[in-house]
Amino acid sequence: MLSLDKLQSTGKKATRDGFGAGLKAAGDQHDNVVMLTADLRGSMKSEDFINTYPDRFIQVGISEANMMGLASGLATGGKIPMTTTFANFSTGRVYDQIRQSIAYSDKNVKICASHAGLTLGEDGATHQILEDIGMMRMLPGMTVINPCDYNQTKAAVQAIADHHGPCYLRFGRPSWPIFIPEDTKFEIGKALHLNEGSDVSIFATGHLVWYAVEAARQLEEGGISVDLINIHTIKPLDEEAVIASAKKTGAVVSCEEHNKYGGLGSAIAECLSKHQPTAQEYVATDDTFGESGEAEELLEKYGLGVKDIVAAVKRVVNRRD
């Protein structure tokens, strides 16, 4: 297990950079990995893969639905296709194609979605999808992964290449602290315990894991012991880890760059309502769209900042007590 003192930022890189590095590594390991993009090869940080394996790259242009159909056909032929575009276009624009051509027939397609959440920033509400995790976790057989930093994203790409079945991999645009040690094992469906605590459980995913780490430092300085868990795989959820932590602390906070409906918080609530009913607070967007702005300013405005996690912890601890 890791601990707060070991979770120090070693620099900043975007999780989409981690995707690019992971894609090249997956391509080195699997001759049948192919990449498709909808006119966003630069934004997806995929140049190393494309330059090394130009015959395994398909530029489909701005035709995302066609890209999903091509990916389904490539998977039928034994390839491991990785589709790439912004998260909004990877899900909302092509949900019918994913459902009918990929999920329904359990195709081995990896839907790799960048620029997710509010941290897409200046492109505004039309591009800042905040409901994609909910959409994708509802699809039967779909694995849903939301890594937290460069290193974890790189490892996640290699893991989904090894995994058979449809996957949704969500990552982001901004430079973000790198804090998960590079040699940390990534296992689909297995939560990563970041700190042992006894007073409150914080379950975090994606960019908000770093904010949860910062919040946990403040809380521990104030005498609140934090059991901090990185839920990088939202489906299948590591129910054993969730139940064990909630049983230990009796108070839960979920943290995500997503609508409070349908995402990580909902998945945890579904699990706990059945197995370990527990007081829970949500750090998530409150049934709203976003707007144009700087990434970190938007996180603060929409209640996803470090101070919001600290406040949610204090509320849930008071409710339990």
C-alpha atoms as a PDB file:
ATOM      1  CA  MET A   1       0.000   0.000   0.000  1.00  0.00           C
ATOM      2  CA  LEU A   2       1.047   3.572  -0.672  1.00  0.00           C
ATOM      3  CA  SER A   3       0.737   6.430   1.843  1.00  0.00           C
ATOM      4  CA  LEU A   4       0.345  10.198   1.738  1.00  0.00           C
ATOM      5  CA  ASP A   5       4.037  10.873   2.303  1.00  0.00           C
ATOM      6  CA  LYS A   6       4.866   8.803  -0.798  1.00  0.00           C
ATOM      7  CA  LEU A   7       2.328  10.592  -3.006  1.00  0.00           C
ATOM      8  CA  GLN A   8       4.407  13.583  -4.082  1.00  0.00           C
ATOM      9  CA  SER A   9       4.195  15.299  -7.454  1.00  0.00           C
ATOM     10  CA  THR A  10       7.274  14.687  -9.602  1.00  0.00           C
ATOM     11  CA  GLY A  11       6.186  17.097 -12.313  1.00  0.00           C
ATOM     12  CA  LYS A  12       3.221  17.674 -14.574  1.00  0.00           C
ATOM     13  CA  LYS A  13       2.019  16.005 -17.754  1.00  0.00           C
ATOM     14  CA  ALA A  14      -1.444  15.566 -19.186  1.00  0.00           C
ATOM     15  CA  THR A  15      -3.144  12.205 -18.903  1.00  0.00           C
ATOM     16  CA  ARG A  16      -3.528  12.371 -22.698  1.00  0.00           C
ATOM     17  CA  ASP A  17       0.285  12.304 -22.870  1.00  0.00           C
ATOM     18  CA  GLY A  18       0.102   9.121 -20.812  1.00  0.00           C
ATOM     19  CA  PHE A  19      -2.302   7.752 -23.389  1.00  0.00           C
ATOM     20  CA  GLY A  20       0.155   8.472 -26.194  1.00  0.00           C
ATOM     21  CA  ALA A  21       2.988   6.745 -24.331  1.00  0.00           C
ATOM     22  CA  GLY A  22       0.770   3.794 -23.455  1.00  0.00           C
ATOM     23  CA  LEU A  23      -0.448   3.472 -27.042  1.00  0.00           C
ATOM     24  CA  LYS A  24       3.114   3.204 -28.331  1.00  0.00           C
ATOM     25  CA  ALA A  25       3.941   0.612 -25.641  1.00  0.00           C
ATOM     26  CA  ALA A  26       0.786  -1.380 -26.448  1.00  0.00           C
ATOM     27  CA  GLY A  27       1.688  -1.255 -30.135  1.00  0.00           C
ATOM     28  CA  ASP A  28       5.143  -2.610 -29.344  1.00  0.00           C
ATOM     29  CA  GLN A  29       3.597  -5.477 -27.390  1.00  0.00           C
ATOM     30  CA  HIS A  30       0.740  -6.338 -29.763  1.00  0.00           C
ATOM     31  CA  ASP A  31       1.125  -6.485 -33.533  1.00  0.00           C
ATOM     32  CA  ASN A  32      -2.658  -6.289 -33.939  1.00  0.00           C
ATOM     33  CA  VAL A  33      -3.157  -2.980 -32.102  1.00  0.00           C
ATOM     34  CA  VAL A  34      -4.424  -0.360 -34.549  1.00  0.00           C
ATOM     35  CA  MET A  35      -5.333   3.272 -33.939  1.00  0.00           C
ATOM     36  CA  LEU A  36      -8.224   5.170 -35.481  1.00  0.00           C
ATOM     37  CA  THR A  37      -8.813   8.888 -35.034  1.00  0.00           C
ATOM     38  CA  ALA A  38     -11.462  11.400 -36.047  1.00  0.00           C
ATOM     39  CA  ASP A  39      -9.109  14.177 -37.157  1.00  0.00           C
ATOM     40  CA  LEU A  40      -7.414  14.526 -33.753  1.00  0.00           C
ATOM     41  CA  ARG A  41      -4.060  12.760 -34.036  1.00  0.00           C
ATOM     42  CA  GLY A  42      -2.188  15.697 -32.491  1.00  0.00           C
ATOM     43  CA  SER A  43      -4.599  16.230 -29.620  1.00  0.00           C
ATOM     44  CA  MET A  44      -4.378  12.532 -28.754  1.00  0.00           C
ATOM     45  CA  LYS A  45      -0.549  12.698 -28.456  1.00  0.00           C
ATOM     46  CA  SER A  46      -0.263   9.717 -30.776  1.00  0.00           C
ATOM     47  CA  GLU A  47       2.632  10.753 -33.027  1.00  0.00           C
ATOM     48  CA  ASP A  48       5.086   8.177 -31.625  1.00  0.00           C
ATOM     49  CA  PHE A  49       2.715   5.340 -32.475  1.00  0.00           C
ATOM     50  CA  ILE A  50       1.851   6.765 -35.890  1.00  0.00           C
ATOM     51  CA  ASN A  51       5.474   7.378 -36.851  1.00  0.00           C
ATOM     52  CA  THR A  52       6.508   3.894 -35.730  1.00  0.00           C
ATOM     53  CA  TYR A  53       3.499   2.022 -37.149  1.00  0.00           C
ATOM     54  CA  PRO A  54       2.072   4.118 -40.001  1.00  0.00           C
ATOM     55  CA  ASP A  55       0.365   1.084 -41.542  1.00  0.00           C
ATOM     56  CA  ARG A  56      -1.579   0.553 -38.299  1.00  0.00           C
ATOM     57  CA  PHE A  57      -3.064   4.061 -38.245  1.00  0.00           C
ATOM     58  CA  ILE A  58      -6.388   5.061 -39.812  1.00  0.00           C
ATOM     59  CA  GLN A  59      -7.452   8.681 -40.170  1.00  0.00           C
ATOM     60  CA  VAL A  60     -11.235   8.640 -40.624  1.00  0.00           C
ATOM     61  CA  GLY A  61     -11.751  12.412 -40.533  1.00  0.00           C
ATOM     62  CA  ILE A  62     -14.635  14.058 -38.720  1.00  0.00           C
ATOM     63  CA  SER A  63     -16.886  11.011 -38.969  1.00  0.00           C
ATOM     64  CA  GLU A  64     -17.020   9.491 -35.496  1.00  0.00           C
ATOM     65  CA  ALA A  65     -19.927   7.137 -36.170  1.00  0.00           C
ATOM     66  CA  ASN A  66     -18.065   5.703 -39.140  1.00  0.00           C
ATOM     67  CA  MET A  67     -14.993   5.266 -36.929  1.00  0.00           C
ATOM     68  CA  MET A  68     -16.959   3.066 -34.504  1.00  0.00           C
ATOM     69  CA  GLY A  69     -18.257   0.938 -37.367  1.00  0.00           C
ATOM     70  CA  LEU A  70     -14.749   0.533 -38.788  1.00  0.00           C
ATOM     71  CA  ALA A  71     -13.449  -0.408 -35.342  1.00  0.00           C
ATOM     72  CA  SER A  72     -16.124  -3.058 -34.956  1.00  0.00           C
ATOM     73  CA  GLY A  73     -15.159  -4.566 -38.302  1.00  0.00           C
ATOM     74  CA  LEU A  74     -11.465  -4.507 -37.462  1.00  0.00           C
ATOM     75  CA  ALA A  75     -12.174  -6.281 -34.169  1.00  0.00           C
ATOM     76  CA  THR A  76     -14.141  -8.937 -36.035  1.00  0.00           C
ATOM     77  CA  GLY A  77     -11.013  -9.474 -38.136  1.00  0.00           C
ATOM     78  CA  GLY A  78      -8.824 -10.019 -35.071  1.00  0.00           C
ATOM     79  CA  LYS A  79      -7.401  -6.538 -34.601  1.00  0.00           C
ATOM     80  CA  ILE A  80      -7.361  -4.550 -31.337  1.00  0.00           C
ATOM     81  CA  PRO A  81      -8.736  -1.204 -32.515  1.00  0.00           C
ATOM     82  CA  MET A  82      -8.341   1.893 -30.342  1.00  0.00           C
ATOM     83  CA  THR A  83     -10.667   4.703 -31.373  1.00  0.00           C
ATOM     84  CA  THR A  84      -9.594   8.229 -30.429  1.00  0.00           C
ATOM     85  CA  THR A  85     -11.388  11.542 -30.171  1.00  0.00           C
ATOM     86  CA  PHE A  86     -12.732  13.865 -27.468  1.00  0.00           C
ATOM     87  CA  ALA A  87     -14.881  12.189 -24.806  1.00  0.00           C
ATOM     88  CA  ASN A  88     -17.985  14.066 -25.915  1.00  0.00           C
ATOM     89  CA  PHE A  89     -17.632  12.786 -29.466  1.00  0.00           C
ATOM     90  CA  SER A  90     -16.565   9.311 -28.245  1.00  0.00           C
ATOM     91  CA  THR A  91     -19.863   8.790 -26.433  1.00  0.00           C
ATOM     92  CA  GLY A  92     -22.701  11.267 -26.889  1.00  0.00           C
ATOM     93  CA  ARG A  93     -22.279  11.608 -30.644  1.00  0.00           C
ATOM     94  CA  VAL A  94     -21.952   7.868 -31.321  1.00  0.00           C
ATOM     95  CA  TYR A  95     -23.862   6.109 -28.542  1.00  0.00           C
ATOM     96  CA  ASP A  96     -26.067   4.181 -30.956  1.00  0.00           C
ATOM     97  CA  GLN A  97     -23.064   2.841 -32.894  1.00  0.00           C
ATOM     98  CA  ILE A  98     -21.307   1.809 -29.675  1.00  0.00           C
ATOM     99  CA  ARG A  99     -24.392   0.090 -28.343  1.00  0.00           C
ATOM    100  CA  GLN A 100     -25.358  -1.721 -31.526  1.00  0.00           C
ATOM    101  CA  SER A 101     -22.032  -2.440 -33.224  1.00  0.00           C
ATOM    102  CA  ILE A 102     -19.649  -2.830 -30.276  1.00  0.00           C
ATOM    103  CA  ALA A 103     -21.298  -3.567 -26.929  1.00  0.00           C
ATOM    104  CA  TYR A 104     -24.168  -5.752 -28.154  1.00  0.00           C
ATOM    105  CA  SER A 105     -21.804  -8.112 -29.955  1.00  0.00           C
ATOM    106  CA  ASP A 106     -18.998  -7.845 -27.341  1.00  0.00           C
ATOM    107  CA  LYS A 107     -16.464  -6.515 -29.822  1.00  0.00           C
ATOM    108  CA  ASN A 108     -12.870  -6.087 -28.639  1.00  0.00           C
ATOM    109  CA  VAL A 109     -12.870  -2.318 -29.267  1.00  0.00           C
ATOM    110  CA  LYS A 110     -11.118   0.179 -26.997  1.00  0.00           C
ATOM    111  CA  ILE A 111     -12.858   3.569 -26.933  1.00  0.00           C
ATOM    112  CA  CYS A 112     -10.152   6.034 -25.876  1.00  0.00           C
ATOM    113  CA  ALA A 113     -11.684   9.356 -24.918  1.00  0.00           C
ATOM    114  CA  SER A 114      -9.652  12.495 -24.245  1.00  0.00           C
ATOM    115  CA  HIS A 115     -10.609  16.000 -23.065  1.00  0.00           C
ATOM    116  CA  ALA A 116     -13.228  14.700 -20.617  1.00  0.00           C
ATOM    117  CA  GLY A 117     -15.004  16.746 -17.979  1.00  0.00           C
ATOM    118  CA  LEU A 118     -14.724  20.420 -17.049  1.00  0.00           C
ATOM    119  CA  THR A 119     -10.948  20.449 -17.524  1.00  0.00           C
ATOM    120  CA  LEU A 120     -11.423  20.552 -21.289  1.00  0.00           C
ATOM    121  CA  GLY A 121     -11.632  24.218 -20.348  1.00  0.00           C
ATOM    122  CA  GLU A 122     -12.090  26.980 -22.892  1.00  0.00           C
ATOM    123  CA  ASP A 123     -14.051  24.928 -25.443  1.00  0.00           C
ATOM    124  CA  GLY A 124     -17.023  25.184 -23.106  1.00  0.00           C
ATOM    125  CA  ALA A 125     -20.182  23.267 -22.303  1.00  0.00           C
ATOM    126  CA  THR A 126     -20.760  21.801 -25.762  1.00  0.00           C
ATOM    127  CA  HIS A 127     -17.486  19.864 -25.488  1.00  0.00           C
ATOM    128  CA  GLN A 128     -17.256  19.290 -21.714  1.00  0.00           C
ATOM    129  CA  ILE A 129     -19.116  16.034 -21.313  1.00  0.00           C
ATOM    130  CA  LEU A 130     -20.009  15.279 -17.685  1.00  0.00           C
ATOM    131  CA  GLU A 131     -22.320  12.309 -18.214  1.00  0.00           C
ATOM    132  CA  ASP A 132     -20.126   9.912 -20.198  1.00  0.00           C
ATOM    133  CA  ILE A 133     -19.218   7.569 -17.338  1.00  0.00           C
ATOM    134  CA  GLY A 134     -22.895   7.026 -16.611  1.00  0.00           C
ATOM    135  CA  MET A 135     -23.674   6.385 -20.269  1.00  0.00           C
ATOM    136  CA  MET A 136     -20.881   3.887 -20.711  1.00  0.00           C
ATOM    137  CA  ARG A 137     -21.237   1.982 -17.443  1.00  0.00           C
ATOM    138  CA  MET A 138     -24.866   1.237 -18.330  1.00  0.00           C
ATOM    139  CA  LEU A 139     -23.815  -0.718 -21.425  1.00  0.00           C
ATOM    140  CA  PRO A 140     -23.690  -4.463 -20.726  1.00  0.00           C
ATOM    141  CA  GLY A 141     -20.147  -5.826 -20.795  1.00  0.00           C
ATOM    142  CA  MET A 142     -18.454  -2.419 -21.066  1.00  0.00           C
ATOM    143  CA  THR A 143     -15.362  -1.891 -18.898  1.00  0.00           C
ATOM    144  CA  VAL A 144     -15.023   1.754 -17.752  1.00  0.00           C
ATOM    145  CA  ILE A 145     -11.638   3.155 -16.674  1.00  0.00           C
ATOM    146  CA  ASN A 146     -10.740   6.684 -15.544  1.00  0.00           C
ATOM    147  CA  PRO A 147      -7.030   6.953 -14.564  1.00  0.00           C
ATOM    148  CA  CYS A 148      -5.634   9.764 -12.440  1.00  0.00           C
ATOM    149  CA  ASP A 149      -2.219  10.770 -13.829  1.00  0.00           C
ATOM    150  CA  TYR A 150       0.299  10.238 -16.628  1.00  0.00           C
ATOM    151  CA  ASN A 151       1.769   7.028 -15.210  1.00  0.00           C
ATOM    152  CA  GLN A 152      -1.568   5.426 -14.454  1.00  0.00           C
ATOM    153  CA  THR A 153      -2.959   6.317 -17.879  1.00  0.00           C
ATOM    154  CA  LYS A 154       0.065   4.809 -19.618  1.00  0.00           C
ATOM    155  CA  ALA A 155      -0.397   1.597 -17.631  1.00  0.00           C
ATOM    156  CA  ALA A 156      -4.155   1.562 -18.273  1.00  0.00           C
ATOM    157  CA  VAL A 157      -3.694   1.653 -22.060  1.00  0.00           C
ATOM    158  CA  GLN A 158      -1.462  -1.407 -21.907  1.00  0.00           C
ATOM    159  CA  ALA A 159      -3.961  -3.133 -19.614  1.00  0.00           C
ATOM    160  CA  ILE A 160      -6.919  -2.616 -21.950  1.00  0.00           C
ATOM    161  CA  ALA A 161      -4.850  -3.914 -24.876  1.00  0.00           C
ATOM    162  CA  ASP A 162      -4.313  -7.124 -22.891  1.00  0.00           C
ATOM    163  CA  HIS A 163      -7.978  -7.319 -21.853  1.00  0.00           C
ATOM    164  CA  HIS A 164     -10.524  -8.913 -24.190  1.00  0.00           C
ATOM    165  CA  GLY A 165     -13.798  -7.045 -24.534  1.00  0.00           C
ATOM    166  CA  PRO A 166     -15.088  -3.502 -25.087  1.00  0.00           C
ATOM    167  CA  CYS A 167     -13.478  -0.810 -22.918  1.00  0.00           C
ATOM    168  CA  TYR A 168     -14.037   2.882 -22.331  1.00  0.00           C
ATOM    169  CA  LEU A 169     -10.884   4.742 -21.291  1.00  0.00           C
ATOM    170  CA  ARG A 170     -11.413   8.340 -20.143  1.00  0.00           C
ATOM    171  CA  PHE A 171      -8.623  10.900 -19.735  1.00  0.00           C
ATOM    172  CA  GLY A 172      -8.006  14.627 -19.938  1.00  0.00           C
ATOM    173  CA  ARG A 173      -6.474  17.684 -21.528  1.00  0.00           C
ATOM    174  CA  PRO A 174      -4.573  19.709 -18.899  1.00  0.00           C
ATOM    175  CA  SER A 175      -1.117  19.204 -17.481  1.00  0.00           C
ATOM    176  CA  TRP A 176      -1.656  17.449 -14.159  1.00  0.00           C
ATOM    177  CA  PRO A 177       0.593  16.306 -11.292  1.00  0.00           C
ATOM    178  CA  ILE A 178       2.362  12.962 -11.765  1.00  0.00           C
ATOM    179  CA  PHE A 179       2.226  11.238  -8.379  1.00  0.00           C
ATOM    180  CA  ILE A 180       1.512   7.529  -8.832  1.00  0.00           C
ATOM    181  CA  PRO A 181       4.887   5.710  -8.839  1.00  0.00           C
ATOM    182  CA  GLU A 182       5.735   4.431 -12.307  1.00  0.00           C
ATOM    183  CA  ASP A 183       6.142   0.833 -11.128  1.00  0.00           C
ATOM    184  CA  THR A 184       2.691   0.696  -9.472  1.00  0.00           C
ATOM    185  CA  LYS A 185       0.713  -2.290 -10.710  1.00  0.00           C
ATOM    186  CA  PHE A 186      -2.424  -1.493 -12.703  1.00  0.00           C
ATOM    187  CA  GLU A 187      -5.095  -4.160 -12.512  1.00  0.00           C
ATOM    188  CA  ILE A 188      -8.472  -3.683 -14.176  1.00  0.00           C
ATOM    189  CA  GLY A 189     -11.223  -3.881 -11.559  1.00  0.00           C
ATOM    190  CA  LYS A 190      -8.839  -3.583  -8.595  1.00  0.00           C
ATOM    191  CA  ALA A 191      -8.838  -0.338  -6.602  1.00  0.00           C
ATOM    192  CA  LEU A 192      -5.559   1.259  -5.555  1.00  0.00           C
ATOM    193  CA  HIS A 193      -5.297   1.949  -1.811  1.00  0.00           C
ATOM    194  CA  LEU A 194      -3.395   5.217  -1.395  1.00  0.00           C
ATOM    195  CA  ASN A 195      -3.591   5.744   2.362  1.00  0.00           C
ATOM    196  CA  GLU A 196      -4.759   3.758   5.378  1.00  0.00           C
ATOM    197  CA  GLY A 197      -7.226   5.559   7.648  1.00  0.00           C
ATOM    198  CA  SER A 198     -10.078   4.989  10.056  1.00  0.00           C
ATOM    199  CA  ASP A 199     -12.349   8.071  10.217  1.00  0.00           C
ATOM    200  CA  VAL A 200     -13.584   8.550   6.659  1.00  0.00           C
ATOM    201  CA  SER A 201     -13.326   6.825   3.268  1.00  0.00           C
ATOM    202  CA  ILE A 202     -12.549   8.986   0.249  1.00  0.00           C
ATOM    203  CA  PHE A 203     -13.079   7.259  -3.086  1.00  0.00           C
ATOM    204  CA  ALA A 204     -11.736   9.326  -5.984  1.00  0.00           C
ATOM    205  CA  THR A 205     -11.247   8.906  -9.709  1.00  0.00           C
ATOM    206  CA  GLY A 206      -9.504  10.758 -12.534  1.00  0.00           C
ATOM    207  CA  HIS A 207      -8.121  14.251 -11.942  1.00  0.00           C
ATOM    208  CA  LEU A 208      -9.819  14.486  -8.554  1.00  0.00           C
ATOM    209  CA  VAL A 209      -7.553  11.820  -7.081  1.00  0.00           C
ATOM    210  CA  TRP A 210      -4.798  14.436  -6.756  1.00  0.00           C
ATOM    211  CA  TYR A 211      -7.219  16.866  -5.126  1.00  0.00           C
ATOM    212  CA  ALA A 212      -8.284  14.073  -2.770  1.00  0.00           C
ATOM    213  CA  VAL A 213      -4.633  13.509  -1.835  1.00  0.00           C
ATOM    214  CA  GLU A 214      -4.239  17.222  -1.053  1.00  0.00           C
ATOM    215  CA  ALA A 215      -7.495  17.215   0.930  1.00  0.00           C
ATOM    216  CA  ALA A 216      -6.396  14.136   2.874  1.00  0.00           C
ATOM    217  CA  ARG A 217      -3.174  15.899   3.929  1.00  0.00           C
ATOM    218  CA  GLN A 218      -5.183  18.812   5.316  1.00  0.00           C
ATOM    219  CA  LEU A 219      -7.664  16.532   7.047  1.00  0.00           C
ATOM    220  CA  GLU A 220      -4.973  14.426   8.696  1.00  0.00           C
ATOM    221  CA  GLU A 221      -3.279  17.585   9.952  1.00  0.00           C
ATOM    222  CA  GLY A 222      -6.635  18.426  11.543  1.00  0.00           C
ATOM    223  CA  GLY A 223      -6.954  15.029  13.189  1.00  0.00           C
ATOM    224  CA  ILE A 224      -9.205  13.230  10.702  1.00  0.00           C
ATOM    225  CA  SER A 225      -7.756   9.894   9.565  1.00  0.00           C
ATOM    226  CA  VAL A 226      -8.452   9.280   5.847  1.00  0.00           C
ATOM    227  CA  ASP A 227      -8.807   5.933   4.123  1.00  0.00           C
ATOM    228  CA  LEU A 228      -8.017   7.074   0.574  1.00  0.00           C
ATOM    229  CA  ILE A 229      -8.784   4.837  -2.387  1.00  0.00           C
ATOM    230  CA  ASN A 230      -8.229   5.471  -6.094  1.00  0.00           C
ATOM    231  CA  ILE A 231     -11.077   3.916  -8.071  1.00  0.00           C
ATOM    232  CA  HIS A 232      -9.515   3.907 -11.538  1.00  0.00           C
ATOM    233  CA  THR A 233     -11.907   1.203 -12.749  1.00  0.00           C
ATOM    234  CA  ILE A 234     -15.500   2.289 -12.252  1.00  0.00           C
ATOM    235  CA  LYS A 235     -16.848  -0.817 -13.969  1.00  0.00           C
ATOM    236  CA  PRO A 236     -16.288  -3.479 -12.826  1.00  0.00           C
ATOM    237  CA  LEU A 237     -16.214  -1.747  -9.449  1.00  0.00           C
ATOM    238  CA  ASP A 238     -13.958  -3.212  -6.777  1.00  0.00           C
ATOM    239  CA  GLU A 239     -16.878  -3.849  -4.428  1.00  0.00           C
ATOM    240  CA  GLU A 240     -14.725  -5.724  -1.938  1.00  0.00           C
ATOM    241  CA  ALA A 241     -12.507  -2.665  -1.412  1.00  0.00           C
ATOM    242  CA  VAL A 242     -15.475  -0.297  -1.210  1.00  0.00           C
ATOM    243  CA  ILE A 243     -17.355  -2.417   1.322  1.00  0.00           C
ATOM    244  CA  ALA A 244     -14.293  -3.057   3.489  1.00  0.00           C
ATOM    245  CA  SER A 245     -13.406   0.631   3.687  1.00  0.00           C
ATOM    246  CA  ALA A 246     -16.969   1.776   4.368  1.00  0.00           C
ATOM    247  CA  LYS A 247     -17.376  -0.860   7.062  1.00  0.00           C
ATOM    248  CA  LYS A 248     -14.187   0.387   8.731  1.00  0.00           C
ATOM    249  CA  THR A 249     -14.987   4.124   8.674  1.00  0.00           C
ATOM    250  CA  GLY A 250     -18.779   4.422   8.503  1.00  0.00           C
ATOM    251  CA  ALA A 251     -18.500   7.583   6.373  1.00  0.00           C
ATOM    252  CA  VAL A 252     -17.885   7.901   2.632  1.00  0.00           C
ATOM    253  CA  VAL A 253     -17.069  10.709   0.192  1.00  0.00           C
ATOM    254  CA  SER A 254     -16.934  10.107  -3.570  1.00  0.00           C
ATOM    255  CA  CYS A 255     -14.967  12.512  -5.804  1.00  0.00           C
ATOM    256  CA  GLU A 256     -15.263  12.755  -9.579  1.00  0.00           C
ATOM    257  CA  GLU A 257     -15.142  15.209 -12.473  1.00  0.00           C
ATOM    258  CA  HIS A 258     -18.587  14.105 -13.596  1.00  0.00           C
ATOM    259  CA  ASN A 259     -22.260  14.636 -12.891  1.00  0.00           C
ATOM    260  CA  LYS A 260     -23.309  13.326  -9.468  1.00  0.00           C
ATOM    261  CA  TYR A 261     -25.837  11.143 -11.293  1.00  0.00           C
ATOM    262  CA  GLY A 262     -24.596   7.946 -12.923  1.00  0.00           C
ATOM    263  CA  GLY A 263     -20.873   8.119 -12.194  1.00  0.00           C
ATOM    264  CA  LEU A 264     -18.546   6.892  -9.472  1.00  0.00           C
ATOM    265  CA  GLY A 265     -20.712   8.180  -6.631  1.00  0.00           C
ATOM    266  CA  SER A 266     -23.729   6.359  -7.998  1.00  0.00           C
ATOM    267  CA  ALA A 267     -21.764   3.136  -8.439  1.00  0.00           C
ATOM    268  CA  ILE A 268     -20.546   3.309  -4.832  1.00  0.00           C
ATOM    269  CA  ALA A 269     -24.034   4.120  -3.512  1.00  0.00           C
ATOM    270  CA  GLU A 270     -25.504   1.167  -5.419  1.00  0.00           C
ATOM    271  CA  CYS A 271     -22.910  -1.134  -3.894  1.00  0.00           C
ATOM    272  CA  LEU A 272     -23.236   0.160  -0.337  1.00  0.00           C
ATOM    273  CA  SER A 273     -27.029   0.302  -0.302  1.00  0.00           C
ATOM    274  CA  LYS A 274     -27.013  -3.428  -0.937  1.00  0.00           C
ATOM    275  CA  HIS A 275     -24.077  -4.574   1.186  1.00  0.00           C
ATOM    276  CA  GLN A 276     -23.092  -1.870   3.729  1.00  0.00           C
ATOM    277  CA  PRO A 277     -25.452   1.113   4.071  1.00  0.00           C
ATOM    278  CA  THR A 278     -23.224   4.106   4.865  1.00  0.00           C
ATOM    279  CA  ALA A 279     -23.508   7.896   5.085  1.00  0.00           C
ATOM    280  CA  GLN A 280     -22.197   9.355   1.825  1.00  0.00           C
ATOM    281  CA  GLU A 281     -21.398  12.770   0.388  1.00  0.00           C
ATOM    282  CA  TYR A 282     -20.745  13.520  -3.287  1.00  0.00           C
ATOM    283  CA  VAL A 283     -18.086  15.802  -4.757  1.00  0.00           C
ATOM    284  CA  ALA A 284     -19.279  16.060  -8.344  1.00  0.00           C
ATOM    285  CA  THR A 285     -21.061  18.491 -10.635  1.00  0.00           C
ATOM    286  CA  ASP A 286     -24.603  19.113  -9.445  1.00  0.00           C
ATOM    287  CA  ASP A 287     -26.850  18.251 -12.411  1.00  0.00           C
ATOM    288  CA  THR A 288     -25.410  20.993 -14.596  1.00  0.00           C
ATOM    289  CA  PHE A 289     -23.512  21.669 -17.780  1.00  0.00           C
ATOM    290  CA  GLY A 290     -20.170  23.465 -17.687  1.00  0.00           C
ATOM    291  CA  GLU A 291     -18.945  26.667 -19.317  1.00  0.00           C
ATOM    292  CA  SER A 292     -15.847  28.127 -20.910  1.00  0.00           C
ATOM    293  CA  GLY A 293     -12.941  28.923 -18.601  1.00  0.00           C
ATOM    294  CA  GLU A 294      -9.589  27.864 -17.187  1.00  0.00           C
ATOM    295  CA  ALA A 295      -9.575  24.243 -16.070  1.00  0.00           C
ATOM    296  CA  GLU A 296      -8.704  24.705 -12.403  1.00  0.00           C
ATOM    297  CA  GLU A 297     -10.975  27.731 -12.049  1.00  0.00           C
ATOM    298  CA  LEU A 298     -13.875  25.664 -13.392  1.00  0.00           C
ATOM    299  CA  LEU A 299     -13.191  22.869 -10.914  1.00  0.00           C
ATOM    300  CA  GLU A 300     -13.353  25.414  -8.110  1.00  0.00           C
ATOM    301  CA  LYS A 301     -16.493  27.116  -9.410  1.00  0.00           C
ATOM    302  CA  TYR A 302     -18.411  23.853  -9.799  1.00  0.00           C
ATOM    303  CA  GLY A 303     -17.541  22.565  -6.345  1.00  0.00           C
ATOM    304  CA  LEU A 304     -14.769  20.111  -7.214  1.00  0.00           C
ATOM    305  CA  GLY A 305     -11.865  21.789  -5.403  1.00  0.00           C
ATOM    306  CA  VAL A 306      -9.736  20.623  -2.490  1.00  0.00           C
ATOM    307  CA  LYS A 307     -11.770  22.755  -0.096  1.00  0.00           C
ATOM    308  CA  ASP A 308     -14.964  21.092  -1.344  1.00  0.00           C
ATOM    309  CA  ILE A 309     -13.586  17.638  -0.565  1.00  0.00           C
ATOM    310  CA  VAL A 310     -12.566  18.799   2.911  1.00  0.00           C
ATOM    311  CA  ALA A 311     -16.034  20.274   3.490  1.00  0.00           C
ATOM    312  CA  ALA A 312     -17.745  17.087   2.264  1.00  0.00           C
ATOM    313  CA  VAL A 313     -15.654  14.997   4.654  1.00  0.00           C
ATOM    314  CA  LYS A 314     -16.613  17.195   7.608  1.00  0.00           C
ATOM    315  CA  ARG A 315     -20.301  16.989   6.665  1.00  0.00           C
ATOM    316  CA  VAL A 316     -20.339  13.215   6.387  1.00  0.00           C
ATOM    317  CA  VAL A 317     -18.361  12.707   9.589  1.00  0.00           C
ATOM    318  CA  ASN A 318     -20.862  14.923  11.416  1.00  0.00           C
ATOM    319  CA  ARG A 319     -23.748  12.955   9.927  1.00  0.00           C
ATOM    320  CA  ARG A 320     -22.234   9.680  11.082  1.00  0.00           C
ATOM    321  CA  ASP A 321     -21.530  10.988  14.568  1.00  0.00           C
END
